Amino acid sequence: MTLDELIRSIHNEELYNCMNDELLAEQAKCLELQYDYNNTRPCEKEKRAELLKKMLAECGEGCYVEPPLHANWGGHNVHFGDYVYANFGLTLVDDTHIYVGNNVLFAPNVVRSTAGHPINPELRAQGYQFNSPIRIGNNVWLGAGVIVMPGVTIGDNTVIGAGSVVTRDIPSGVVAYGNPCRVAREIGERDKEYYFKNKKI
């Protein structure tokens, strides 16, 4: 299988062998940039912004990721809209595309994983995996420690509670949490008056 054919498999939810030497060489180049990003000093904001634009497939205006960032491909398959903020310890298993809308917030230690491995142990032992893209809408907030699994879409304006494991699509305009993550309620009129428990805006 040529490298081009392999890359097509990677992005089409097909099984492929990730232990290909050419593929690993391309991945290593991306990880070098990630290393540079994670070793910037706190005062080097401009350098971080420049590196982020080189690392990501798309990077909108005003995006910021607190180091350390951990990504299989250094963000090579990640598409950020405008004003995306990620707190410490963001993990992106970006073996295929991760799409993120505008004004999205990621709390510490959020994981988004596009990759999976076959249940069949013989295939796993040979290095086979598959990938399915993740899509995050606009104005979404993912709480601390949220894990988003392959193929999941999260709709606009939704909040995912801390520690949730998101295994299926979540609609727009809701609060959802749990393991597995489930919709708890719609975002409504009360949220325009209270920002936390009984604290008024």
N, C-alpha and C. Protein backbone atom coordinates (compact mmCIF):
# COMPACT_ATOMS: atom_id res chain seq x y z
N MET A 1 0.84 -1.19 0.00
CA MET A 1 0.00 0.00 0.00
C MET A 1 0.88 1.25 0.00
N THR A 2 0.61 2.18 -0.94
CA THR A 2 1.39 3.42 -0.99
C THR A 2 0.99 4.32 0.17
N LEU A 3 1.82 5.34 0.43
CA LEU A 3 1.52 6.28 1.50
C LEU A 3 0.21 7.01 1.23
N ASP A 4 -0.04 7.39 -0.03
CA ASP A 4 -1.30 8.07 -0.37
C ASP A 4 -2.52 7.18 -0.09
N GLU A 5 -2.41 5.89 -0.44
CA GLU A 5 -3.51 4.95 -0.19
C GLU A 5 -3.73 4.78 1.31
N LEU A 6 -2.63 4.73 2.05
CA LEU A 6 -2.71 4.59 3.50
C LEU A 6 -3.40 5.79 4.13
N ILE A 7 -3.04 6.99 3.67
CA ILE A 7 -3.65 8.21 4.20
C ILE A 7 -5.14 8.25 3.89
N ARG A 8 -5.54 7.75 2.71
CA ARG A 8 -6.98 7.67 2.39
C ARG A 8 -7.70 6.75 3.38
N SER A 9 -7.08 5.63 3.71
CA SER A 9 -7.67 4.70 4.70
C SER A 9 -7.80 5.35 6.06
N ILE A 10 -6.78 6.11 6.43
CA ILE A 10 -6.75 6.79 7.73
C ILE A 10 -7.98 7.69 7.91
N HIS A 11 -8.37 8.38 6.84
CA HIS A 11 -9.45 9.36 6.92
C HIS A 11 -10.80 8.82 6.46
N ASN A 12 -10.90 7.52 6.20
CA ASN A 12 -12.16 6.94 5.71
C ASN A 12 -12.70 5.84 6.60
N GLU A 13 -12.33 5.85 7.87
CA GLU A 13 -12.82 4.89 8.86
C GLU A 13 -12.51 3.44 8.49
N GLU A 14 -11.42 3.24 7.73
CA GLU A 14 -11.01 1.88 7.35
C GLU A 14 -9.92 1.39 8.29
N LEU A 15 -9.80 0.06 8.40
CA LEU A 15 -8.68 -0.51 9.15
C LEU A 15 -7.38 -0.25 8.39
N TYR A 16 -6.34 0.11 9.11
CA TYR A 16 -5.02 0.28 8.49
C TYR A 16 -3.96 -0.04 9.54
N ASN A 17 -2.77 -0.29 9.04
CA ASN A 17 -1.66 -0.60 9.93
C ASN A 17 -0.88 0.68 10.20
N CYS A 18 -0.87 1.10 11.47
CA CYS A 18 -0.24 2.38 11.82
C CYS A 18 1.28 2.27 11.98
N MET A 19 1.84 1.07 11.77
CA MET A 19 3.29 0.89 11.96
C MET A 19 4.07 1.03 10.65
N ASN A 20 3.52 1.78 9.71
CA ASN A 20 4.18 2.04 8.43
C ASN A 20 5.31 3.05 8.62
N ASP A 21 6.49 2.73 8.12
CA ASP A 21 7.68 3.57 8.34
C ASP A 21 7.53 4.97 7.77
N GLU A 22 6.95 5.10 6.57
CA GLU A 22 6.76 6.43 5.96
C GLU A 22 5.78 7.26 6.79
N LEU A 23 4.73 6.60 7.25
CA LEU A 23 3.73 7.27 8.06
C LEU A 23 4.34 7.76 9.37
N LEU A 24 5.13 6.92 10.01
CA LEU A 24 5.76 7.28 11.27
C LEU A 24 6.75 8.43 11.09
N ALA A 25 7.41 8.48 9.93
CA ALA A 25 8.35 9.58 9.66
C ALA A 25 7.61 10.91 9.52
N GLU A 26 6.44 10.89 8.86
CA GLU A 26 5.63 12.11 8.74
C GLU A 26 5.12 12.55 10.10
N GLN A 27 4.68 11.60 10.90
CA GLN A 27 4.19 11.90 12.24
C GLN A 27 5.28 12.52 13.10
N ALA A 28 6.50 11.99 12.98
CA ALA A 28 7.63 12.50 13.78
C ALA A 28 7.90 13.97 13.49
N LYS A 29 7.73 14.40 12.24
CA LYS A 29 7.95 15.81 11.89
C LYS A 29 6.94 16.70 12.63
N CYS A 30 5.70 16.25 12.69
CA CYS A 30 4.66 17.02 13.39
C CYS A 30 4.96 17.10 14.89
N LEU A 31 5.45 16.02 15.45
CA LEU A 31 5.72 15.97 16.88
C LEU A 31 6.88 16.88 17.28
N GLU A 32 7.78 17.16 16.33
CA GLU A 32 8.88 18.09 16.61
C GLU A 32 8.33 19.49 16.90
N LEU A 33 7.33 19.91 16.13
CA LEU A 33 6.71 21.23 16.37
C LEU A 33 5.99 21.25 17.71
N GLN A 34 5.30 20.15 18.03
CA GLN A 34 4.63 20.08 19.32
C GLN A 34 5.63 20.19 20.47
N TYR A 35 6.78 19.55 20.31
CA TYR A 35 7.83 19.65 21.33
C TYR A 35 8.25 21.10 21.52
N ASP A 36 8.45 21.80 20.40
CA ASP A 36 8.84 23.22 20.47
C ASP A 36 7.77 24.03 21.20
N TYR A 37 6.50 23.77 20.89
CA TYR A 37 5.40 24.50 21.52
C TYR A 37 5.40 24.28 23.03
N ASN A 38 5.53 23.04 23.43
CA ASN A 38 5.46 22.70 24.85
C ASN A 38 6.66 23.21 25.65
N ASN A 39 7.71 23.59 24.96
CA ASN A 39 8.90 24.08 25.65
C ASN A 39 9.10 25.59 25.51
N THR A 40 8.04 26.28 25.10
CA THR A 40 8.09 27.75 25.11
C THR A 40 7.96 28.25 26.53
N ARG A 41 8.46 29.46 26.74
CA ARG A 41 8.34 30.10 28.06
C ARG A 41 6.99 30.81 28.15
N PRO A 42 6.47 31.02 29.36
CA PRO A 42 5.17 31.69 29.51
C PRO A 42 5.11 33.07 28.84
N CYS A 43 6.22 33.77 28.77
CA CYS A 43 6.23 35.11 28.18
C CYS A 43 6.24 35.09 26.65
N GLU A 44 6.40 33.91 26.04
CA GLU A 44 6.55 33.82 24.58
C GLU A 44 5.19 33.60 23.89
N LYS A 45 4.27 34.49 24.14
CA LYS A 45 2.92 34.36 23.60
C LYS A 45 2.90 34.41 22.07
N GLU A 46 3.70 35.31 21.48
CA GLU A 46 3.72 35.43 20.02
C GLU A 46 4.28 34.17 19.38
N LYS A 47 5.33 33.63 19.98
CA LYS A 47 5.93 32.40 19.46
C LYS A 47 4.92 31.26 19.53
N ARG A 48 4.18 31.17 20.63
CA ARG A 48 3.16 30.14 20.75
C ARG A 48 2.10 30.27 19.66
N ALA A 49 1.66 31.50 19.42
CA ALA A 49 0.64 31.74 18.39
C ALA A 49 1.15 31.32 17.00
N GLU A 50 2.41 31.65 16.71
CA GLU A 50 3.01 31.27 15.42
C GLU A 50 3.11 29.75 15.28
N LEU A 51 3.56 29.09 16.32
CA LEU A 51 3.70 27.63 16.28
C LEU A 51 2.35 26.95 16.14
N LEU A 52 1.35 27.47 16.84
CA LEU A 52 0.02 26.86 16.78
C LEU A 52 -0.52 26.92 15.36
N LYS A 53 -0.30 28.02 14.67
CA LYS A 53 -0.77 28.15 13.29
C LYS A 53 -0.03 27.18 12.36
N LYS A 54 1.25 26.89 12.67
CA LYS A 54 2.00 25.91 11.87
C LYS A 54 1.55 24.49 12.18
N MET A 55 1.22 24.23 13.43
CA MET A 55 0.90 22.89 13.86
C MET A 55 -0.47 22.42 13.40
N LEU A 56 -1.49 23.30 13.50
CA LEU A 56 -2.87 22.90 13.24
C LEU A 56 -3.21 22.97 11.76
N ALA A 57 -4.15 22.13 11.34
CA ALA A 57 -4.65 22.18 9.96
C ALA A 57 -5.30 23.52 9.69
N GLU A 58 -6.06 24.02 10.68
CA GLU A 58 -6.67 25.35 10.62
C GLU A 58 -6.65 25.93 12.02
N CYS A 59 -6.36 27.22 12.10
CA CYS A 59 -6.32 27.90 13.39
C CYS A 59 -6.88 29.30 13.21
N GLY A 60 -8.06 29.55 13.77
CA GLY A 60 -8.72 30.84 13.62
C GLY A 60 -8.07 31.91 14.47
N GLU A 61 -8.75 33.04 14.56
CA GLU A 61 -8.25 34.17 15.33
C GLU A 61 -8.37 33.91 16.83
N GLY A 62 -7.41 34.41 17.58
CA GLY A 62 -7.51 34.43 19.04
C GLY A 62 -7.51 33.09 19.74
N CYS A 63 -6.93 32.07 19.12
CA CYS A 63 -6.88 30.75 19.75
C CYS A 63 -5.68 30.64 20.68
N TYR A 64 -5.86 29.90 21.77
CA TYR A 64 -4.75 29.72 22.72
C TYR A 64 -4.86 28.37 23.40
N VAL A 65 -3.75 27.66 23.48
CA VAL A 65 -3.68 26.36 24.14
C VAL A 65 -2.59 26.44 25.19
N GLU A 66 -2.95 26.20 26.45
CA GLU A 66 -1.96 26.17 27.52
C GLU A 66 -1.10 24.91 27.38
N PRO A 67 0.22 25.05 27.33
CA PRO A 67 1.04 23.84 27.37
C PRO A 67 0.90 23.15 28.72
N PRO A 68 1.07 21.83 28.79
CA PRO A 68 1.44 20.96 27.67
C PRO A 68 0.24 20.53 26.83
N LEU A 69 0.47 20.47 25.54
CA LEU A 69 -0.47 19.90 24.58
C LEU A 69 0.07 18.53 24.17
N HIS A 70 -0.81 17.55 24.15
CA HIS A 70 -0.43 16.20 23.72
C HIS A 70 -1.30 15.84 22.52
N ALA A 71 -0.67 15.58 21.38
CA ALA A 71 -1.43 15.22 20.18
C ALA A 71 -0.63 14.19 19.37
N ASN A 72 -1.31 13.15 18.92
CA ASN A 72 -0.62 12.10 18.16
C ASN A 72 0.10 12.64 16.94
N TRP A 73 -0.54 13.60 16.28
CA TRP A 73 0.03 14.21 15.08
C TRP A 73 0.33 15.69 15.32
N GLY A 74 0.52 16.09 16.56
CA GLY A 74 0.89 17.46 16.87
C GLY A 74 -0.14 18.49 16.44
N GLY A 75 -1.40 18.06 16.26
CA GLY A 75 -2.45 18.98 15.80
C GLY A 75 -2.60 19.05 14.29
N HIS A 76 -1.86 18.23 13.56
CA HIS A 76 -1.86 18.27 12.09
C HIS A 76 -3.25 18.08 11.49
N ASN A 77 -4.12 17.33 12.17
CA ASN A 77 -5.47 17.07 11.67
C ASN A 77 -6.55 17.78 12.48
N VAL A 78 -6.17 18.87 13.15
CA VAL A 78 -7.09 19.61 14.02
C VAL A 78 -7.47 20.93 13.37
N HIS A 79 -8.77 21.24 13.40
CA HIS A 79 -9.30 22.45 12.77
C HIS A 79 -9.98 23.29 13.85
N PHE A 80 -9.38 24.40 14.21
CA PHE A 80 -9.93 25.31 15.22
C PHE A 80 -10.60 26.49 14.55
N GLY A 81 -11.81 26.85 15.02
CA GLY A 81 -12.43 28.10 14.62
C GLY A 81 -11.78 29.26 15.36
N ASP A 82 -12.52 30.34 15.56
CA ASP A 82 -11.99 31.52 16.25
C ASP A 82 -12.18 31.41 17.76
N TYR A 83 -11.22 31.95 18.50
CA TYR A 83 -11.31 32.11 19.97
C TYR A 83 -11.58 30.78 20.69
N VAL A 84 -10.78 29.79 20.32
CA VAL A 84 -10.79 28.52 21.03
C VAL A 84 -9.76 28.61 22.15
N TYR A 85 -10.16 28.23 23.36
CA TYR A 85 -9.23 28.24 24.49
C TYR A 85 -9.18 26.84 25.10
N ALA A 86 -7.96 26.35 25.29
CA ALA A 86 -7.77 25.05 25.94
C ALA A 86 -6.86 25.22 27.14
N ASN A 87 -7.31 24.76 28.28
CA ASN A 87 -6.50 24.81 29.50
C ASN A 87 -5.46 23.69 29.47
N PHE A 88 -4.70 23.55 30.57
CA PHE A 88 -3.58 22.62 30.62
C PHE A 88 -3.99 21.18 30.30
N GLY A 89 -3.07 20.47 29.64
CA GLY A 89 -3.20 19.03 29.48
C GLY A 89 -4.18 18.57 28.42
N LEU A 90 -4.47 19.40 27.41
CA LEU A 90 -5.34 18.96 26.32
C LEU A 90 -4.67 17.81 25.57
N THR A 91 -5.44 16.72 25.36
CA THR A 91 -4.95 15.57 24.59
C THR A 91 -5.82 15.40 23.35
N LEU A 92 -5.18 15.39 22.19
CA LEU A 92 -5.86 15.25 20.91
C LEU A 92 -5.30 14.02 20.20
N VAL A 93 -6.07 12.95 20.19
CA VAL A 93 -5.66 11.79 19.41
C VAL A 93 -6.15 12.07 17.99
N ASP A 94 -5.33 12.85 17.29
CA ASP A 94 -5.75 13.44 16.01
C ASP A 94 -5.25 12.62 14.81
N ASP A 95 -5.49 11.32 14.86
CA ASP A 95 -5.10 10.48 13.73
C ASP A 95 -5.98 10.75 12.51
N THR A 96 -7.18 11.27 12.74
CA THR A 96 -7.98 11.86 11.67
C THR A 96 -8.51 13.20 12.17
N HIS A 97 -9.44 13.79 11.44
CA HIS A 97 -9.82 15.18 11.66
C HIS A 97 -10.63 15.39 12.94
N ILE A 98 -10.28 16.47 13.64
CA ILE A 98 -11.04 16.98 14.78
C ILE A 98 -11.44 18.40 14.43
N TYR A 99 -12.75 18.65 14.35
CA TYR A 99 -13.27 19.97 13.98
C TYR A 99 -13.83 20.65 15.23
N VAL A 100 -13.42 21.89 15.46
CA VAL A 100 -13.83 22.66 16.63
C VAL A 100 -14.35 24.01 16.16
N GLY A 101 -15.54 24.40 16.61
CA GLY A 101 -16.14 25.65 16.19
C GLY A 101 -15.54 26.87 16.87
N ASN A 102 -16.29 27.97 16.86
CA ASN A 102 -15.83 29.23 17.46
C ASN A 102 -16.21 29.29 18.95
N ASN A 103 -15.39 30.02 19.71
CA ASN A 103 -15.68 30.30 21.13
C ASN A 103 -15.89 29.03 21.95
N VAL A 104 -15.01 28.07 21.74
CA VAL A 104 -15.07 26.80 22.46
C VAL A 104 -14.07 26.83 23.61
N LEU A 105 -14.49 26.30 24.77
CA LEU A 105 -13.64 26.24 25.95
C LEU A 105 -13.38 24.78 26.34
N PHE A 106 -12.10 24.46 26.54
CA PHE A 106 -11.72 23.14 27.04
C PHE A 106 -11.06 23.32 28.40
N ALA A 107 -11.66 22.75 29.43
CA ALA A 107 -11.09 22.78 30.77
C ALA A 107 -9.86 21.87 30.82
N PRO A 108 -9.15 21.82 31.96
CA PRO A 108 -7.94 20.99 32.04
C PRO A 108 -8.23 19.51 31.76
N ASN A 109 -7.23 18.90 31.10
CA ASN A 109 -7.19 17.44 30.89
C ASN A 109 -8.35 16.88 30.10
N VAL A 110 -8.81 17.64 29.11
CA VAL A 110 -9.81 17.12 28.17
C VAL A 110 -9.11 16.22 27.16
N VAL A 111 -9.75 15.11 26.81
CA VAL A 111 -9.23 14.17 25.81
C VAL A 111 -10.24 14.04 24.68
N ARG A 112 -9.74 14.18 23.45
CA ARG A 112 -10.57 13.90 22.27
C ARG A 112 -9.83 12.87 21.43
N SER A 113 -10.43 11.71 21.30
CA SER A 113 -9.74 10.58 20.66
C SER A 113 -10.48 10.13 19.42
N THR A 114 -9.86 10.30 18.26
CA THR A 114 -10.47 9.85 17.01
C THR A 114 -10.14 8.40 16.69
N ALA A 115 -9.17 7.81 17.38
CA ALA A 115 -8.66 6.49 17.03
C ALA A 115 -9.27 5.38 17.86
N GLY A 116 -9.43 4.23 17.25
CA GLY A 116 -9.86 3.02 17.94
C GLY A 116 -9.10 1.83 17.41
N HIS A 117 -9.16 0.74 18.14
CA HIS A 117 -8.48 -0.49 17.73
C HIS A 117 -9.48 -1.63 17.67
N PRO A 118 -9.26 -2.62 16.80
CA PRO A 118 -10.19 -3.74 16.70
C PRO A 118 -10.30 -4.51 18.01
N ILE A 119 -11.46 -5.07 18.27
CA ILE A 119 -11.64 -5.95 19.42
C ILE A 119 -10.80 -7.23 19.24
N ASN A 120 -10.67 -7.69 18.00
CA ASN A 120 -9.90 -8.89 17.69
C ASN A 120 -8.44 -8.72 18.12
N PRO A 121 -7.95 -9.53 19.08
CA PRO A 121 -6.60 -9.32 19.60
C PRO A 121 -5.50 -9.56 18.58
N GLU A 122 -5.75 -10.45 17.59
CA GLU A 122 -4.72 -10.72 16.59
C GLU A 122 -4.48 -9.49 15.71
N LEU A 123 -5.56 -8.79 15.36
CA LEU A 123 -5.41 -7.58 14.56
C LEU A 123 -4.72 -6.48 15.36
N ARG A 124 -5.09 -6.36 16.64
CA ARG A 124 -4.42 -5.35 17.48
C ARG A 124 -2.93 -5.62 17.58
N ALA A 125 -2.56 -6.87 17.73
CA ALA A 125 -1.15 -7.24 17.86
C ALA A 125 -0.35 -6.91 16.61
N GLN A 126 -1.04 -6.84 15.46
CA GLN A 126 -0.37 -6.51 14.21
C GLN A 126 -0.29 -5.00 13.96
N GLY A 127 -0.88 -4.20 14.86
CA GLY A 127 -0.79 -2.75 14.73
C GLY A 127 -1.92 -2.10 13.98
N TYR A 128 -3.07 -2.80 13.86
CA TYR A 128 -4.18 -2.22 13.12
C TYR A 128 -5.01 -1.28 13.98
N GLN A 129 -5.53 -0.24 13.36
CA GLN A 129 -6.45 0.69 14.01
C GLN A 129 -7.38 1.29 12.98
N PHE A 130 -8.35 2.08 13.45
CA PHE A 130 -9.25 2.83 12.58
C PHE A 130 -9.49 4.18 13.24
N ASN A 131 -9.98 5.15 12.47
CA ASN A 131 -10.24 6.49 12.99
C ASN A 131 -11.60 6.98 12.53
N SER A 132 -12.22 7.81 13.39
CA SER A 132 -13.49 8.43 13.02
C SER A 132 -13.47 9.87 13.54
N PRO A 133 -13.82 10.84 12.69
CA PRO A 133 -13.67 12.25 13.06
C PRO A 133 -14.59 12.69 14.19
N ILE A 134 -14.16 13.72 14.90
CA ILE A 134 -14.91 14.35 15.98
C ILE A 134 -15.28 15.76 15.56
N ARG A 135 -16.51 16.17 15.89
CA ARG A 135 -16.98 17.52 15.56
C ARG A 135 -17.55 18.19 16.80
N ILE A 136 -17.01 19.36 17.13
CA ILE A 136 -17.48 20.16 18.27
C ILE A 136 -18.04 21.46 17.71
N GLY A 137 -19.27 21.80 18.10
CA GLY A 137 -19.94 22.99 17.56
C GLY A 137 -19.42 24.29 18.16
N ASN A 138 -20.12 25.38 17.90
CA ASN A 138 -19.77 26.70 18.42
C ASN A 138 -20.23 26.85 19.87
N ASN A 139 -19.50 27.65 20.64
CA ASN A 139 -19.88 28.02 22.01
C ASN A 139 -20.07 26.81 22.93
N VAL A 140 -19.23 25.81 22.75
CA VAL A 140 -19.30 24.61 23.58
C VAL A 140 -18.27 24.73 24.70
N TRP A 141 -18.63 24.22 25.88
CA TRP A 141 -17.71 24.16 27.01
C TRP A 141 -17.62 22.71 27.46
N LEU A 142 -16.40 22.17 27.43
CA LEU A 142 -16.14 20.83 27.92
C LEU A 142 -15.42 20.95 29.26
N GLY A 143 -16.03 20.41 30.32
CA GLY A 143 -15.47 20.50 31.66
C GLY A 143 -14.23 19.64 31.85
N ALA A 144 -13.61 19.78 33.01
CA ALA A 144 -12.35 19.11 33.31
C ALA A 144 -12.48 17.59 33.17
N GLY A 145 -11.50 17.01 32.49
CA GLY A 145 -11.42 15.56 32.39
C GLY A 145 -12.43 14.92 31.46
N VAL A 146 -13.09 15.68 30.62
CA VAL A 146 -14.05 15.10 29.66
C VAL A 146 -13.28 14.30 28.61
N ILE A 147 -13.83 13.15 28.26
CA ILE A 147 -13.27 12.30 27.20
C ILE A 147 -14.30 12.19 26.09
N VAL A 148 -13.90 12.55 24.88
CA VAL A 148 -14.79 12.46 23.71
C VAL A 148 -14.26 11.35 22.81
N MET A 149 -15.10 10.38 22.52
CA MET A 149 -14.71 9.18 21.79
C MET A 149 -14.85 9.36 20.27
N PRO A 150 -14.29 8.42 19.49
CA PRO A 150 -14.31 8.54 18.03
C PRO A 150 -15.72 8.69 17.45
N GLY A 151 -15.84 9.55 16.45
CA GLY A 151 -17.07 9.69 15.70
C GLY A 151 -18.15 10.54 16.33
N VAL A 152 -17.86 11.17 17.47
CA VAL A 152 -18.88 11.94 18.20
C VAL A 152 -19.01 13.35 17.65
N THR A 153 -20.25 13.84 17.61
CA THR A 153 -20.55 15.24 17.30
C THR A 153 -21.24 15.86 18.51
N ILE A 154 -20.80 17.07 18.91
CA ILE A 154 -21.43 17.82 20.00
C ILE A 154 -21.96 19.11 19.41
N GLY A 155 -23.24 19.38 19.63
CA GLY A 155 -23.90 20.52 19.01
C GLY A 155 -23.54 21.86 19.64
N ASP A 156 -23.96 22.93 18.98
CA ASP A 156 -23.68 24.31 19.43
C ASP A 156 -24.23 24.58 20.83
N ASN A 157 -23.53 25.44 21.56
CA ASN A 157 -23.98 26.00 22.84
C ASN A 157 -24.14 24.98 23.96
N THR A 158 -23.60 23.81 23.81
CA THR A 158 -23.77 22.74 24.79
C THR A 158 -22.65 22.76 25.82
N VAL A 159 -22.98 22.32 27.04
CA VAL A 159 -22.01 22.19 28.13
C VAL A 159 -21.92 20.70 28.50
N ILE A 160 -20.69 20.19 28.54
CA ILE A 160 -20.45 18.81 28.95
C ILE A 160 -19.78 18.84 30.32
N GLY A 161 -20.43 18.22 31.31
CA GLY A 161 -19.95 18.26 32.69
C GLY A 161 -18.64 17.52 32.89
N ALA A 162 -17.89 17.95 33.90
CA ALA A 162 -16.57 17.39 34.22
C ALA A 162 -16.64 15.87 34.40
N GLY A 163 -15.61 15.21 33.89
CA GLY A 163 -15.48 13.77 34.06
C GLY A 163 -16.34 12.92 33.16
N SER A 164 -17.06 13.53 32.24
CA SER A 164 -17.95 12.77 31.36
C SER A 164 -17.17 12.00 30.31
N VAL A 165 -17.73 10.86 29.90
CA VAL A 165 -17.21 10.08 28.78
C VAL A 165 -18.28 10.12 27.69
N VAL A 166 -17.98 10.85 26.60
CA VAL A 166 -18.97 11.11 25.55
C VAL A 166 -18.81 10.05 24.47
N THR A 167 -19.75 9.10 24.45
CA THR A 167 -19.66 7.98 23.52
C THR A 167 -20.63 8.09 22.35
N ARG A 168 -21.55 9.08 22.43
CA ARG A 168 -22.53 9.25 21.36
C ARG A 168 -22.77 10.75 21.14
N ASP A 169 -23.42 11.09 20.02
CA ASP A 169 -23.69 12.49 19.70
C ASP A 169 -24.51 13.15 20.80
N ILE A 170 -24.21 14.44 21.05
CA ILE A 170 -24.96 15.24 22.01
C ILE A 170 -25.53 16.44 21.25
N PRO A 171 -26.84 16.73 21.41
CA PRO A 171 -27.45 17.81 20.62
C PRO A 171 -27.03 19.20 21.07
N SER A 172 -27.47 20.20 20.36
CA SER A 172 -27.21 21.60 20.69
C SER A 172 -28.03 22.04 21.89
N GLY A 173 -27.50 23.03 22.63
CA GLY A 173 -28.26 23.74 23.65
C GLY A 173 -28.64 22.93 24.87
N VAL A 174 -27.77 22.01 25.29
CA VAL A 174 -28.09 21.20 26.46
C VAL A 174 -26.92 21.15 27.44
N VAL A 175 -27.24 20.75 28.67
CA VAL A 175 -26.23 20.36 29.65
C VAL A 175 -26.25 18.84 29.69
N ALA A 176 -25.07 18.23 29.54
CA ALA A 176 -24.98 16.77 29.54
C ALA A 176 -23.79 16.35 30.38
N TYR A 177 -23.91 15.21 31.05
CA TYR A 177 -22.79 14.72 31.86
C TYR A 177 -22.99 13.24 32.17
N GLY A 178 -21.93 12.64 32.70
CA GLY A 178 -22.01 11.25 33.14
C GLY A 178 -21.12 10.33 32.32
N ASN A 179 -21.11 9.06 32.75
CA ASN A 179 -20.34 8.02 32.08
C ASN A 179 -21.23 6.79 31.94
N PRO A 180 -21.83 6.60 30.74
CA PRO A 180 -21.67 7.42 29.55
C PRO A 180 -22.44 8.74 29.66
N CYS A 181 -21.99 9.73 28.90
CA CYS A 181 -22.59 11.07 28.95
C CYS A 181 -24.01 11.04 28.40
N ARG A 182 -24.93 11.66 29.18
CA ARG A 182 -26.34 11.75 28.77
C ARG A 182 -26.84 13.18 28.98
N VAL A 183 -27.81 13.56 28.20
CA VAL A 183 -28.42 14.88 28.34
C VAL A 183 -29.17 14.94 29.67
N ALA A 184 -28.86 15.98 30.49
CA ALA A 184 -29.55 16.19 31.76
C ALA A 184 -30.71 17.16 31.61
N ARG A 185 -30.48 18.22 30.82
CA ARG A 185 -31.54 19.22 30.64
C ARG A 185 -31.18 20.15 29.49
N GLU A 186 -32.17 20.89 29.05
CA GLU A 186 -31.92 21.93 28.04
C GLU A 186 -31.43 23.19 28.74
N ILE A 187 -30.66 23.99 28.04
CA ILE A 187 -30.27 25.30 28.53
C ILE A 187 -31.46 26.23 28.32
N GLY A 188 -31.90 26.94 29.40
CA GLY A 188 -33.14 27.71 29.29
C GLY A 188 -33.09 29.07 29.95
N GLU A 189 -34.27 29.56 30.31
CA GLU A 189 -34.42 30.91 30.85
C GLU A 189 -33.69 31.09 32.17
N ARG A 190 -33.70 30.07 33.03
CA ARG A 190 -33.03 30.20 34.33
C ARG A 190 -31.54 30.49 34.16
N ASP A 191 -30.94 29.97 33.09
CA ASP A 191 -29.51 30.17 32.85
C ASP A 191 -29.19 31.61 32.46
N LYS A 192 -30.22 32.36 32.10
CA LYS A 192 -30.01 33.79 31.82
C LYS A 192 -29.98 34.61 33.10
N GLU A 193 -30.47 33.99 34.21
CA GLU A 193 -30.55 34.71 35.48
C GLU A 193 -29.49 34.24 36.49
N TYR A 194 -29.15 32.95 36.44
CA TYR A 194 -28.20 32.39 37.39
C TYR A 194 -26.99 31.81 36.66
N TYR A 195 -25.78 32.09 37.19
CA TYR A 195 -24.58 31.57 36.55
C TYR A 195 -24.02 30.35 37.27
N PHE A 196 -24.37 30.15 38.55
CA PHE A 196 -23.87 29.01 39.34
C PHE A 196 -24.79 28.79 40.52
N LYS A 197 -25.42 27.62 40.58
CA LYS A 197 -26.35 27.29 41.66
C LYS A 197 -27.35 28.44 41.83
N ASN A 198 -27.36 29.10 43.02
CA ASN A 198 -28.29 30.20 43.25
C ASN A 198 -27.64 31.58 43.17
N LYS A 199 -26.49 31.66 42.45
CA LYS A 199 -25.79 32.92 42.29
C LYS A 199 -26.35 33.65 41.07
N LYS A 200 -26.89 34.86 41.33
CA LYS A 200 -27.48 35.63 40.23
C LYS A 200 -26.40 36.34 39.41
N ILE A 201 -26.69 36.47 38.15
CA ILE A 201 -25.78 37.19 37.24
C ILE A 201 -25.80 38.67 37.59
